[in-house]
Structure formats: C-alpha cells, structure tokens
Amino acid sequence: MVSKPEFIDLLAERCDTTKKNATMMYEEVFATLIDLVSRGEEVAIPNLGRVKIAERAARVAHNPKTKDKIEFPANKAPKFQFGKNIKEAVASL
C-alpha cells in the first residue's frame, strides 16, 4: 500500500516540483472533492472514476445475537465507481 507521504513524493517527482507544492496540490484536490460531494455534486474524475451520492432506503435488520429488530432510517452515502482505465489496469494484473 502506498502511504500519503510516498504518494506525495511520487507526485512531486512526476510533476517536477517540490514536496511542499505537491502536498499543497494533494490537499487542495481532496478538499475540493470533499467540498463538492458535501454539496451533493457528482464528481467525474477522468481516467479514475466517479464519486456520487447513493440514496439508501430505510430498512429493518436483525441483531443475530439477540434476534432484536433494528430499524435503520433512510440516508445518503458516498459511492465511488471506478472508471474503465482502472478496471482494465486491475484486470491485466
């Protein structure tokens, strides 16, 4: 697994910039993504995928230990769908 510092090092190298600039780019990209998703926007990132909000319906589940019913209200959750490029890259492993 690549850690955040390792990712920033790679980003700095590939963009031919300093680690400080790469860190700022990394932080701004993800802050912008979080801001857009928190406003309900769907975000498409070319060559990577799409972030959207999934609507989850209310449901009733059961506690397997006690058999009690537990009600979960309807809610929203972030969902990420990988793009074709990523899927093909993984398939070729």
Protein backbone atom coordinates (compact mmCIF):
# COMPACT_ATOMS: atom_id res chain seq x y z
CA MET A 1 0.00 0.00 0.00
CA VAL A 2 1.28 3.48 -0.85
CA SER A 3 1.14 5.91 2.06
CA LYS A 4 0.30 9.60 1.78
CA PRO A 5 3.96 10.72 2.08
CA GLU A 6 5.02 8.19 -0.57
CA PHE A 7 2.20 9.36 -2.86
CA ILE A 8 3.27 12.98 -2.38
CA ASP A 9 6.88 12.05 -3.19
CA LEU A 10 5.74 10.37 -6.42
CA LEU A 11 3.54 13.34 -7.29
CA ALA A 12 6.40 15.78 -6.74
CA GLU A 13 8.69 13.69 -8.92
CA ARG A 14 6.19 13.25 -11.75
CA CYS A 15 5.19 16.94 -11.73
CA ASP A 16 8.82 18.07 -11.38
CA THR A 17 8.01 20.19 -8.35
CA THR A 18 8.85 20.38 -4.65
CA LYS A 19 7.31 18.19 -1.99
CA LYS A 20 5.76 21.33 -0.49
CA ASN A 21 3.96 22.15 -3.75
CA ALA A 22 2.95 18.51 -4.23
CA THR A 23 1.50 18.47 -0.70
CA MET A 24 -0.49 21.63 -1.42
CA MET A 25 -1.81 20.13 -4.69
CA TYR A 26 -2.78 16.90 -2.92
CA GLU A 27 -4.56 18.73 -0.09
CA GLU A 28 -6.42 21.10 -2.44
CA VAL A 29 -7.59 18.33 -4.77
CA PHE A 30 -9.10 16.34 -1.92
CA ALA A 31 -10.51 19.40 -0.13
CA THR A 32 -12.23 20.42 -3.37
CA LEU A 33 -13.57 16.89 -3.87
CA ILE A 34 -14.96 16.81 -0.32
CA ASP A 35 -16.50 20.26 -0.75
CA LEU A 36 -18.25 19.30 -3.99
CA VAL A 37 -19.57 15.98 -2.65
CA SER A 38 -20.79 17.65 0.57
CA ARG A 39 -22.90 19.99 -1.61
CA GLY A 40 -24.48 16.98 -3.32
CA GLU A 41 -22.49 17.26 -6.54
CA GLU A 42 -21.47 14.22 -8.55
CA VAL A 43 -17.78 14.44 -9.45
CA ALA A 44 -16.31 12.71 -12.50
CA ILE A 45 -12.54 12.32 -12.48
CA PRO A 46 -11.33 11.37 -15.97
CA ASN A 47 -9.21 8.20 -16.08
CA LEU A 48 -10.08 7.39 -12.46
CA GLY A 49 -13.81 7.22 -11.77
CA ARG A 50 -16.87 8.95 -10.43
CA VAL A 51 -17.91 9.99 -6.91
CA LYS A 52 -21.63 10.30 -6.30
CA ILE A 53 -24.19 10.21 -3.52
CA ALA A 54 -26.15 6.98 -3.12
CA GLU A 55 -29.63 7.16 -1.59
CA ARG A 56 -30.20 4.29 0.83
CA ALA A 57 -33.76 3.31 1.66
CA ALA A 58 -34.93 2.75 5.23
CA ARG A 59 -34.66 -0.87 6.29
CA VAL A 60 -35.16 -3.25 9.17
CA ALA A 61 -32.33 -5.57 10.18
CA HIS A 62 -31.93 -8.17 12.88
CA ASN A 63 -29.28 -8.45 15.55
CA PRO A 64 -28.01 -12.03 15.01
CA LYS A 65 -27.16 -12.44 18.68
CA THR A 66 -30.39 -11.22 20.29
CA LYS A 67 -32.75 -11.53 17.30
CA ASP A 68 -33.99 -8.00 18.06
CA LYS A 69 -35.19 -5.89 15.15
CA ILE A 70 -33.18 -2.77 14.42
CA GLU A 71 -34.59 -0.01 12.23
CA PHE A 72 -32.21 1.97 10.06
CA PRO A 73 -33.56 5.24 8.64
CA ALA A 74 -33.07 6.29 5.02
CA ASN A 75 -29.75 8.02 4.50
CA LYS A 76 -27.19 9.12 1.94
CA ALA A 77 -23.72 7.67 1.48
CA PRO A 78 -20.81 8.44 -0.85
CA LYS A 79 -20.20 5.92 -3.60
CA PHE A 80 -17.18 5.60 -5.88
CA GLN A 81 -17.34 3.88 -9.26
CA PHE A 82 -14.00 3.09 -10.87
CA GLY A 83 -13.52 4.05 -14.50
CA LYS A 84 -12.69 1.81 -17.41
CA ASN A 85 -8.94 2.58 -17.26
CA ILE A 86 -8.64 1.42 -13.65
CA LYS A 87 -10.73 -1.69 -14.26
CA GLU A 88 -8.56 -2.63 -17.26
CA ALA A 89 -5.35 -1.99 -15.29
CA VAL A 90 -6.53 -4.31 -12.50
CA ALA A 91 -7.70 -6.97 -14.95
CA SER A 92 -4.24 -7.10 -16.50
CA LEU A 93 -2.51 -7.96 -13.19
